[in-house]
Amino acid sequence: MTDDSHSSSSLRRQPKQRRGQQRVEKILEAAALVFDEVGYEAATTHQIAERAGTAIGSLYQFFPDKAAIFNAMELRHLERVQAMWGQANARELWRLPLKEMLAQLTTGVAALFEQPVSRVMFVQFYTARDRFQTIDDSLTQGAIAFLSTILHQRNSALETEQRDLLAEVCVHSCNALILAALRQPDLERRDRLVQQIPELMAAYLTPYVGDQIHGHVMNVMICPHCKSQKLAKNGRRRGKQCYLCKACGKQFVHPAAVESV
């Protein structure tokens, strides 16, 4: 067997039983620790197998080389990021006060990077991008689109170009802080850096999606007849925005919708 980084990067065999799945997870976490300690180039499959507490033959049942292990780590990180976004959407975090929403988003990111595989993948992407076969800039673009959607949910009056720009600035700024934190050997210092992320984002985003604006938008976008939020703009009357409720079919103008549910 070889550790050639240009070898095949696919799993040799997909584990079907729980025991096999657990072994693969141990191998991936062990690889993350080894890559972090000695670097990818110096790491060997034997070191990874020893760290995982498994025989080298067992490792080779699933992975032909360390390039395959690295690619499997990429896929695992992608799965976790997408799951994190899905959980945030399901919990409708955008409805929370801005600082609380940002704190919960930051907590989710911090929890993600407590896992060795995701932590190493994030750092490696910014230090050895050519090694990646699956993850590319589309993951960052996905994060920007995710945040842009949240900004739209908090303030639908924001123009698409503006909210995309706000999201892009936030994502790139946060990524830079996260990278600095993850490369910080002092864990206390790392935590302090991460804790500044929601503060930074809140200061930047408040003029656009702050609680006062968010509450105003939520009040405006509620039908006064049936309390539905499924509305569509329907022209203007005497300088005031008109809305059509998709739920009850009734029309109303801006002032009539100020009352919240």
Protein backbone atom coordinates (compact mmCIF):
# COMPACT_ATOMS: atom_id res chain seq x y z
CA MET A 1 0.00 0.00 0.00
CA THR A 2 1.09 3.59 -0.63
CA ASP A 3 0.58 6.99 0.95
CA ASP A 4 0.77 8.70 -2.46
CA SER A 5 -1.40 11.82 -2.18
CA HIS A 6 -2.45 11.42 -5.81
CA SER A 7 -3.92 7.96 -5.30
CA SER A 8 -7.62 7.12 -5.46
CA SER A 9 -9.64 9.07 -2.91
CA SER A 10 -12.78 6.93 -2.73
CA LEU A 11 -13.72 4.58 0.08
CA ARG A 12 -12.69 1.06 -0.79
CA ARG A 13 -15.71 -0.36 1.01
CA GLN A 14 -18.72 1.33 2.54
CA PRO A 15 -19.35 0.06 6.09
CA LYS A 16 -22.88 -1.32 6.46
CA GLN A 17 -22.81 -2.49 10.05
CA ARG A 18 -22.61 -0.21 13.06
CA ARG A 19 -19.27 -1.65 14.10
CA GLY A 20 -17.74 -0.83 10.73
CA GLN A 21 -19.17 2.68 10.77
CA GLN A 22 -17.71 3.30 14.20
CA ARG A 23 -14.32 2.04 13.01
CA VAL A 24 -14.38 4.45 10.07
CA GLU A 25 -15.24 7.34 12.39
CA LYS A 26 -12.33 6.42 14.68
CA ILE A 27 -9.99 6.34 11.68
CA LEU A 28 -11.15 9.76 10.49
CA GLU A 29 -10.77 11.34 13.93
CA ALA A 30 -7.37 9.70 14.39
CA ALA A 31 -6.27 10.99 10.99
CA ALA A 32 -7.36 14.51 11.95
CA LEU A 33 -5.23 14.36 15.10
CA VAL A 34 -2.22 12.96 13.24
CA PHE A 35 -2.51 15.53 10.42
CA ASP A 36 -2.77 18.27 13.03
CA GLU A 37 0.29 17.07 14.95
CA VAL A 38 2.77 16.10 12.21
CA GLY A 39 1.26 17.54 9.04
CA TYR A 40 -0.33 15.75 6.12
CA GLU A 41 2.90 15.07 4.23
CA ALA A 42 4.66 13.46 7.20
CA ALA A 43 1.63 11.45 8.29
CA THR A 44 1.39 7.75 7.39
CA THR A 45 -1.45 5.28 7.38
CA HIS A 46 0.39 3.26 10.02
CA GLN A 47 0.44 6.26 12.36
CA ILE A 48 -3.27 6.79 11.75
CA ALA A 49 -4.11 3.14 12.37
CA GLU A 50 -2.09 3.13 15.59
CA ARG A 51 -3.82 6.33 16.79
CA ALA A 52 -7.22 4.82 15.95
CA GLY A 53 -6.38 1.66 17.87
CA THR A 54 -6.97 -0.55 14.86
CA ALA A 55 -4.85 -2.88 12.75
CA ILE A 56 -3.41 -1.46 9.54
CA GLY A 57 -5.22 -4.22 7.67
CA SER A 58 -8.53 -2.97 9.03
CA LEU A 59 -7.73 0.53 7.86
CA TYR A 60 -6.94 -0.75 4.36
CA GLN A 61 -10.30 -2.54 4.26
CA PHE A 62 -11.87 0.91 3.96
CA PHE A 63 -9.17 3.25 2.66
CA PRO A 64 -6.51 2.52 0.04
CA ASP A 65 -4.29 5.41 1.22
CA LYS A 66 -4.24 8.59 3.27
CA ALA A 67 -5.58 10.63 0.34
CA ALA A 68 -8.75 8.56 0.57
CA ILE A 69 -8.92 9.26 4.30
CA PHE A 70 -8.52 12.97 3.70
CA ASN A 71 -11.30 12.99 1.11
CA ALA A 72 -13.60 11.10 3.48
CA MET A 73 -12.86 13.79 6.06
CA GLU A 74 -13.94 16.42 3.53
CA LEU A 75 -17.24 14.64 2.99
CA ARG A 76 -17.82 14.27 6.71
CA HIS A 77 -17.20 17.98 7.26
CA LEU A 78 -19.63 18.88 4.46
CA GLU A 79 -22.31 16.71 6.01
CA ARG A 80 -21.88 18.39 9.37
CA VAL A 81 -21.96 21.91 7.94
CA GLN A 82 -25.14 21.19 6.00
CA ALA A 83 -26.71 19.62 9.09
CA MET A 84 -25.83 22.72 11.10
CA TRP A 85 -27.53 24.96 8.52
CA GLY A 86 -30.56 22.70 8.47
CA GLN A 87 -30.89 22.81 12.25
CA ALA A 88 -30.67 26.61 12.26
CA ASN A 89 -33.43 26.83 9.64
CA ALA A 90 -35.63 24.36 11.50
CA ARG A 91 -35.32 26.37 14.72
CA GLU A 92 -36.13 29.63 12.90
CA LEU A 93 -33.31 31.45 14.66
CA TRP A 94 -34.00 34.56 12.59
CA ARG A 95 -37.01 35.25 14.83
CA LEU A 96 -34.77 35.76 17.89
CA PRO A 97 -33.33 39.10 19.03
CA LEU A 98 -30.29 39.85 16.88
CA LYS A 99 -27.59 39.27 19.51
CA GLU A 100 -29.23 36.06 20.70
CA MET A 101 -29.56 34.79 17.13
CA LEU A 102 -25.91 35.54 16.40
CA ALA A 103 -24.80 33.97 19.69
CA GLN A 104 -26.66 30.76 18.86
CA LEU A 105 -25.22 30.67 15.35
CA THR A 106 -21.73 31.16 16.78
CA THR A 107 -22.34 28.43 19.36
CA GLY A 108 -23.28 26.05 16.55
CA VAL A 109 -20.10 26.88 14.65
CA ALA A 110 -17.97 26.48 17.78
CA ALA A 111 -19.54 23.08 18.45
CA LEU A 112 -18.78 22.07 14.86
CA PHE A 113 -15.10 22.87 15.29
CA GLU A 114 -14.83 21.01 18.56
CA GLN A 115 -14.83 17.93 16.34
CA PRO A 116 -11.26 17.18 15.16
CA VAL A 117 -12.26 16.37 11.57
CA SER A 118 -14.07 19.65 10.97
CA ARG A 119 -11.42 21.67 12.80
CA VAL A 120 -8.61 20.24 10.70
CA MET A 121 -10.59 20.55 7.45
CA PHE A 122 -11.25 24.22 8.08
CA VAL A 123 -7.62 25.07 8.84
CA GLN A 124 -6.28 22.91 6.00
CA PHE A 125 -8.59 24.60 3.49
CA TYR A 126 -6.89 27.92 4.17
CA THR A 127 -3.37 26.52 4.33
CA ALA A 128 -3.31 23.68 1.75
CA ARG A 129 -6.30 24.21 -0.53
CA ASP A 130 -4.77 22.25 -3.44
CA ARG A 131 -5.12 19.08 -1.41
CA PHE A 132 -8.93 19.22 -1.45
CA GLN A 133 -10.94 17.23 -3.94
CA THR A 134 -14.50 17.91 -2.79
CA ILE A 135 -14.60 21.12 -0.78
CA ASP A 136 -14.08 24.35 -2.70
CA ASP A 137 -15.21 27.96 -2.59
CA SER A 138 -18.80 26.84 -3.13
CA LEU A 139 -18.94 25.98 0.58
CA THR A 140 -18.17 29.60 1.46
CA GLN A 141 -20.71 30.75 -1.11
CA GLY A 142 -23.23 28.42 0.54
CA ALA A 143 -22.56 30.07 3.90
CA ILE A 144 -23.06 33.50 2.35
CA ALA A 145 -26.34 32.40 0.76
CA PHE A 146 -27.46 30.89 4.08
CA LEU A 147 -26.80 34.12 5.99
CA SER A 148 -28.30 36.24 3.20
CA THR A 149 -31.53 34.27 3.53
CA ILE A 150 -31.60 34.96 7.28
CA LEU A 151 -31.08 38.67 6.64
CA HIS A 152 -33.96 38.62 4.19
CA GLN A 153 -36.17 36.91 6.75
CA ARG A 154 -35.35 39.62 9.29
CA ASN A 155 -35.82 42.51 6.87
CA SER A 156 -37.48 41.75 3.55
CA ALA A 157 -37.07 45.40 2.52
CA LEU A 158 -33.32 44.89 2.03
CA GLU A 159 -32.31 44.81 -1.61
CA THR A 160 -30.82 41.48 -2.71
CA GLU A 161 -27.48 43.05 -3.63
CA GLN A 162 -27.21 44.76 -0.25
CA ARG A 163 -28.04 41.73 1.88
CA ASP A 164 -25.69 39.55 -0.19
CA LEU A 165 -22.92 42.06 0.45
CA LEU A 166 -23.69 42.17 4.18
CA ALA A 167 -23.64 38.36 4.31
CA GLU A 168 -20.37 38.18 2.38
CA VAL A 169 -18.63 40.66 4.71
CA CYS A 170 -19.88 38.74 7.77
CA VAL A 171 -18.86 35.31 6.50
CA HIS A 172 -15.36 36.36 5.42
CA SER A 173 -14.80 38.30 8.65
CA CYS A 174 -15.99 35.39 10.78
CA ASN A 175 -13.90 32.88 8.84
CA ALA A 176 -10.80 35.00 9.48
CA LEU A 177 -11.55 35.14 13.22
CA ILE A 178 -12.33 31.43 13.39
CA LEU A 179 -9.09 30.58 11.59
CA ALA A 180 -7.11 32.76 14.00
CA ALA A 181 -8.88 31.13 16.93
CA LEU A 182 -8.34 27.55 15.76
CA ARG A 183 -4.63 28.19 15.21
CA GLN A 184 -4.32 29.64 18.72
CA PRO A 185 -2.70 27.11 21.11
CA ASP A 186 -4.06 28.95 24.15
CA LEU A 187 -7.59 27.56 24.54
CA GLU A 188 -8.72 30.45 26.73
CA ARG A 189 -7.52 32.92 24.13
CA ARG A 190 -9.27 30.86 21.45
CA ASP A 191 -12.56 31.06 23.33
CA ARG A 192 -12.24 34.82 23.78
CA LEU A 193 -11.73 35.29 20.04
CA VAL A 194 -14.79 33.18 19.20
CA GLN A 195 -16.88 35.10 21.73
CA GLN A 196 -16.16 38.33 19.83
CA ILE A 197 -17.83 37.03 16.67
CA PRO A 198 -21.47 37.77 17.64
CA GLU A 199 -20.41 41.15 19.05
CA LEU A 200 -18.69 42.05 15.79
CA MET A 201 -21.59 40.90 13.64
CA ALA A 202 -24.22 42.60 15.82
CA ALA A 203 -22.43 45.94 15.60
CA TYR A 204 -22.23 45.62 11.82
CA LEU A 205 -25.74 44.29 11.17
CA THR A 206 -27.83 46.28 13.66
CA PRO A 207 -28.53 49.21 11.28
CA TYR A 208 -29.94 46.75 8.72
CA VAL A 209 -31.56 43.91 10.67
CA GLY A 210 -31.51 45.09 14.28
CA ASP A 211 -34.34 44.29 16.67
CA GLN A 212 -36.16 47.57 16.09
CA ILE A 213 -36.13 47.10 12.32
CA HIS A 214 -36.89 43.40 12.59
CA GLY A 215 -39.88 44.01 14.85
CA HIS A 216 -41.18 46.74 12.54
CA VAL A 217 -40.93 44.50 9.51
CA MET A 218 -42.62 41.62 11.30
CA ASN A 219 -45.50 43.90 12.30
CA VAL A 220 -45.91 45.28 8.82
CA MET A 221 -45.91 41.87 7.23
CA ILE A 222 -48.91 40.49 9.13
CA CYS A 223 -52.43 40.50 7.69
CA PRO A 224 -54.78 42.46 10.02
CA HIS A 225 -57.71 40.25 8.96
CA CYS A 226 -56.43 36.69 9.40
CA LYS A 227 -52.97 37.32 10.97
CA SER A 228 -51.24 35.43 8.16
CA GLN A 229 -47.68 36.32 7.16
CA LYS A 230 -48.17 35.04 3.59
CA LEU A 231 -48.36 38.44 1.94
CA ALA A 232 -47.46 40.01 -1.37
CA LYS A 233 -46.91 43.66 -2.21
CA ASN A 234 -49.84 44.96 -4.26
CA GLY A 235 -48.94 48.44 -5.49
CA ARG A 236 -49.24 51.73 -3.63
CA ARG A 237 -52.23 53.88 -2.65
CA ARG A 238 -51.83 57.54 -1.68
CA GLY A 239 -48.12 56.98 -1.13
CA LYS A 240 -48.62 53.98 1.14
CA GLN A 241 -47.61 50.37 0.41
CA CYS A 242 -50.52 48.02 -0.27
CA TYR A 243 -50.49 44.31 0.47
CA LEU A 244 -52.51 41.32 -0.70
CA CYS A 245 -52.96 38.44 1.75
CA LYS A 246 -52.45 35.12 0.01
CA ALA A 247 -54.31 33.32 2.80
CA CYS A 248 -57.62 35.25 2.94
CA GLY A 249 -57.37 37.22 -0.31
CA LYS A 250 -58.01 40.59 1.34
CA GLN A 251 -56.07 43.76 0.61
CA PHE A 252 -54.85 46.37 3.05
CA VAL A 253 -52.47 49.29 3.22
CA HIS A 254 -49.37 49.68 5.36
CA PRO A 255 -50.84 51.39 8.47
CA ALA A 256 -53.51 48.72 8.92
CA ALA A 257 -50.86 46.08 9.49
CA VAL A 258 -48.97 47.71 12.32
CA GLU A 259 -50.62 45.60 15.01
CA SER A 260 -48.60 42.48 15.80
CA VAL A 261 -49.98 39.05 16.57
